[in-house]
Amino acid sequence: MSSSTNKSDDRLSYGIIILIFGVIFLLDKIGFLDNIPYGDNIMSVGVFSLIAGVVFIATQPKKVLGWVLLGVGALLNANLFFGWMSNYSNLIIPIGLIIAGVALVLTAKKKN
């Protein structure tokens, strides 16, 4: 794939993400999110990670970043998906970071 196609994919992905975040931010500022269920949870890093992950999976030929963002978003929103995990929510981020770090170290290619 040529570098111009990669730049085009990147611009599309980032453009969609910025557009969605802008719309969510505007809806929050005009008070619309206050009127919907779980609206207060939408303005969070976890939800933004989920959205960015979905956009990257849908628009990028290499899906790794999308899956990583989706995983981070799922971990950050684990208490919404799995209520029982709220007891362990303070451990989720450090354990997730350790797992991601180990995975990156183990899959890194050594340069000669």
C-alpha atoms as a PDB file:
ATOM      1  CA  MET A   1       0.000   0.000   0.000  1.00  0.00           C
ATOM      2  CA  SER A   2       1.366   3.398  -0.858  1.00  0.00           C
ATOM      3  CA  SER A   3       2.058   6.060   1.712  1.00  0.00           C
ATOM      4  CA  SER A   4      -0.538   8.375   0.165  1.00  0.00           C
ATOM      5  CA  THR A   5      -3.233   5.767   0.804  1.00  0.00           C
ATOM      6  CA  ASN A   6      -2.063   5.422   4.420  1.00  0.00           C
ATOM      7  CA  LYS A   7      -2.248   9.191   4.859  1.00  0.00           C
ATOM      8  CA  SER A   8      -5.728   9.215   3.337  1.00  0.00           C
ATOM      9  CA  ASP A   9      -6.864   6.415   5.690  1.00  0.00           C
ATOM     10  CA  ASP A  10      -5.355   8.280   8.649  1.00  0.00           C
ATOM     11  CA  ARG A  11      -7.044  11.552   7.702  1.00  0.00           C
ATOM     12  CA  LEU A  12     -10.389   9.791   7.307  1.00  0.00           C
ATOM     13  CA  SER A  13     -10.073   7.999  10.653  1.00  0.00           C
ATOM     14  CA  TYR A  14      -8.978  11.044  12.603  1.00  0.00           C
ATOM     15  CA  GLY A  15     -11.535  13.237  10.845  1.00  0.00           C
ATOM     16  CA  ILE A  16     -14.403  10.910  11.769  1.00  0.00           C
ATOM     17  CA  ILE A  17     -13.187  10.660  15.358  1.00  0.00           C
ATOM     18  CA  ILE A  18     -12.856  14.441  15.731  1.00  0.00           C
ATOM     19  CA  LEU A  19     -16.289  14.917  14.168  1.00  0.00           C
ATOM     20  CA  ILE A  20     -17.927  12.427  16.554  1.00  0.00           C
ATOM     21  CA  PHE A  21     -16.153  13.896  19.595  1.00  0.00           C
ATOM     22  CA  GLY A  22     -17.217  17.386  18.513  1.00  0.00           C
ATOM     23  CA  VAL A  23     -20.853  16.313  18.218  1.00  0.00           C
ATOM     24  CA  ILE A  24     -20.754  14.599  21.632  1.00  0.00           C
ATOM     25  CA  PHE A  25     -19.096  17.663  23.178  1.00  0.00           C
ATOM     26  CA  LEU A  26     -21.730  19.958  21.643  1.00  0.00           C
ATOM     27  CA  LEU A  27     -24.566  17.710  22.870  1.00  0.00           C
ATOM     28  CA  ASP A  28     -23.049  17.839  26.347  1.00  0.00           C
ATOM     29  CA  LYS A  29     -22.721  21.632  26.302  1.00  0.00           C
ATOM     30  CA  ILE A  30     -26.318  22.208  25.205  1.00  0.00           C
ATOM     31  CA  GLY A  31     -27.563  19.813  27.904  1.00  0.00           C
ATOM     32  CA  PHE A  32     -28.908  17.083  25.625  1.00  0.00           C
ATOM     33  CA  LEU A  33     -26.867  14.341  27.298  1.00  0.00           C
ATOM     34  CA  ASP A  34     -28.534  15.162  30.625  1.00  0.00           C
ATOM     35  CA  ASN A  35     -31.845  13.957  29.182  1.00  0.00           C
ATOM     36  CA  ILE A  36     -30.793  10.497  28.028  1.00  0.00           C
ATOM     37  CA  PRO A  37     -30.025   7.375  30.088  1.00  0.00           C
ATOM     38  CA  TYR A  38     -26.321   7.008  30.866  1.00  0.00           C
ATOM     39  CA  GLY A  39     -25.730  10.387  29.230  1.00  0.00           C
ATOM     40  CA  ASP A  40     -23.373  11.385  32.020  1.00  0.00           C
ATOM     41  CA  ASN A  41     -21.154   8.404  31.126  1.00  0.00           C
ATOM     42  CA  ILE A  42     -20.792   9.406  27.470  1.00  0.00           C
ATOM     43  CA  MET A  43     -18.353  12.233  28.237  1.00  0.00           C
ATOM     44  CA  SER A  44     -15.563   9.943  29.436  1.00  0.00           C
ATOM     45  CA  VAL A  45     -12.205   8.716  28.242  1.00  0.00           C
ATOM     46  CA  GLY A  46     -13.510   5.161  28.195  1.00  0.00           C
ATOM     47  CA  VAL A  47     -16.338   5.951  25.795  1.00  0.00           C
ATOM     48  CA  PHE A  48     -14.006   8.000  23.609  1.00  0.00           C
ATOM     49  CA  SER A  49     -11.643   5.005  23.473  1.00  0.00           C
ATOM     50  CA  LEU A  50     -14.517   2.744  22.445  1.00  0.00           C
ATOM     51  CA  ILE A  51     -15.591   5.147  19.708  1.00  0.00           C
ATOM     52  CA  ALA A  52     -12.045   5.632  18.426  1.00  0.00           C
ATOM     53  CA  GLY A  53     -11.515   1.853  18.436  1.00  0.00           C
ATOM     54  CA  VAL A  54     -14.636   1.227  16.376  1.00  0.00           C
ATOM     55  CA  VAL A  55     -13.688   3.970  13.904  1.00  0.00           C
ATOM     56  CA  PHE A  56     -10.131   2.654  13.511  1.00  0.00           C
ATOM     57  CA  ILE A  57     -11.387  -0.913  13.006  1.00  0.00           C
ATOM     58  CA  ALA A  58     -13.853   0.295  10.379  1.00  0.00           C
ATOM     59  CA  THR A  59     -11.478   2.579   8.462  1.00  0.00           C
ATOM     60  CA  GLN A  60      -7.902   1.343   8.854  1.00  0.00           C
ATOM     61  CA  PRO A  61      -6.369  -1.529   6.905  1.00  0.00           C
ATOM     62  CA  LYS A  62      -4.246  -2.391   9.949  1.00  0.00           C
ATOM     63  CA  LYS A  63      -6.720  -3.010  12.744  1.00  0.00           C
ATOM     64  CA  VAL A  64      -4.295  -3.355  15.680  1.00  0.00           C
ATOM     65  CA  LEU A  65      -4.718   0.197  17.008  1.00  0.00           C
ATOM     66  CA  GLY A  66      -8.496  -0.144  16.762  1.00  0.00           C
ATOM     67  CA  TRP A  67      -8.502  -3.349  18.794  1.00  0.00           C
ATOM     68  CA  VAL A  68      -6.185  -1.845  21.397  1.00  0.00           C
ATOM     69  CA  LEU A  69      -8.415   1.238  21.767  1.00  0.00           C
ATOM     70  CA  LEU A  70     -11.504  -0.960  21.900  1.00  0.00           C
ATOM     71  CA  GLY A  71      -9.917  -3.081  24.631  1.00  0.00           C
ATOM     72  CA  VAL A  72      -8.896  -0.026  26.642  1.00  0.00           C
ATOM     73  CA  GLY A  73     -12.387   1.414  26.270  1.00  0.00           C
ATOM     74  CA  ALA A  74     -13.965  -1.854  27.385  1.00  0.00           C
ATOM     75  CA  LEU A  75     -11.688  -1.977  30.424  1.00  0.00           C
ATOM     76  CA  LEU A  76     -12.425   1.627  31.343  1.00  0.00           C
ATOM     77  CA  ASN A  77     -16.163   0.961  31.025  1.00  0.00           C
ATOM     78  CA  ALA A  78     -16.094  -2.478  32.650  1.00  0.00           C
ATOM     79  CA  ASN A  79     -18.363  -1.337  35.470  1.00  0.00           C
ATOM     80  CA  LEU A  80     -21.043  -0.468  32.894  1.00  0.00           C
ATOM     81  CA  PHE A  81     -20.735  -3.816  31.121  1.00  0.00           C
ATOM     82  CA  PHE A  82     -20.137  -5.947  34.207  1.00  0.00           C
ATOM     83  CA  GLY A  83     -21.463  -4.468  37.452  1.00  0.00           C
ATOM     84  CA  TRP A  84     -19.540  -6.959  39.568  1.00  0.00           C
ATOM     85  CA  MET A  85     -16.254  -5.559  38.299  1.00  0.00           C
ATOM     86  CA  SER A  86     -16.800  -2.246  40.093  1.00  0.00           C
ATOM     87  CA  ASN A  87     -15.195  -3.844  43.161  1.00  0.00           C
ATOM     88  CA  TYR A  88     -12.006  -4.362  41.149  1.00  0.00           C
ATOM     89  CA  SER A  89     -12.096  -1.199  39.035  1.00  0.00           C
ATOM     90  CA  ASN A  90      -9.007   0.268  40.695  1.00  0.00           C
ATOM     91  CA  LEU A  91      -7.006  -2.763  39.503  1.00  0.00           C
ATOM     92  CA  ILE A  92      -8.245  -2.888  35.910  1.00  0.00           C
ATOM     93  CA  ILE A  93      -6.054  -0.138  34.446  1.00  0.00           C
ATOM     94  CA  PRO A  94      -2.741  -1.275  35.992  1.00  0.00           C
ATOM     95  CA  ILE A  95      -3.381  -4.911  35.030  1.00  0.00           C
ATOM     96  CA  GLY A  96      -4.401  -3.872  31.517  1.00  0.00           C
ATOM     97  CA  LEU A  97      -1.255  -1.789  31.136  1.00  0.00           C
ATOM     98  CA  ILE A  98       0.898  -4.688  32.337  1.00  0.00           C
ATOM     99  CA  ILE A  99      -0.753  -7.091  29.886  1.00  0.00           C
ATOM    100  CA  ALA A 100      -0.384  -4.621  26.998  1.00  0.00           C
ATOM    101  CA  GLY A 101       3.268  -3.997  27.881  1.00  0.00           C
ATOM    102  CA  VAL A 102       4.060  -7.706  28.074  1.00  0.00           C
ATOM    103  CA  ALA A 103       2.311  -8.309  24.749  1.00  0.00           C
ATOM    104  CA  LEU A 104       4.279  -5.504  23.085  1.00  0.00           C
ATOM    105  CA  VAL A 105       7.583  -6.711  24.518  1.00  0.00           C
ATOM    106  CA  LEU A 106       6.972 -10.317  23.494  1.00  0.00           C
ATOM    107  CA  THR A 107       5.885  -9.409  19.965  1.00  0.00           C
ATOM    108  CA  ALA A 108       8.600  -6.810  19.309  1.00  0.00           C
ATOM    109  CA  LYS A 109      10.934  -7.678  16.483  1.00  0.00           C
ATOM    110  CA  LYS A 110      14.602  -7.486  17.286  1.00  0.00           C
ATOM    111  CA  LYS A 111      16.648  -5.373  14.905  1.00  0.00           C
ATOM    112  CA  ASN A 112      20.055  -6.717  13.916  1.00  0.00           C
END
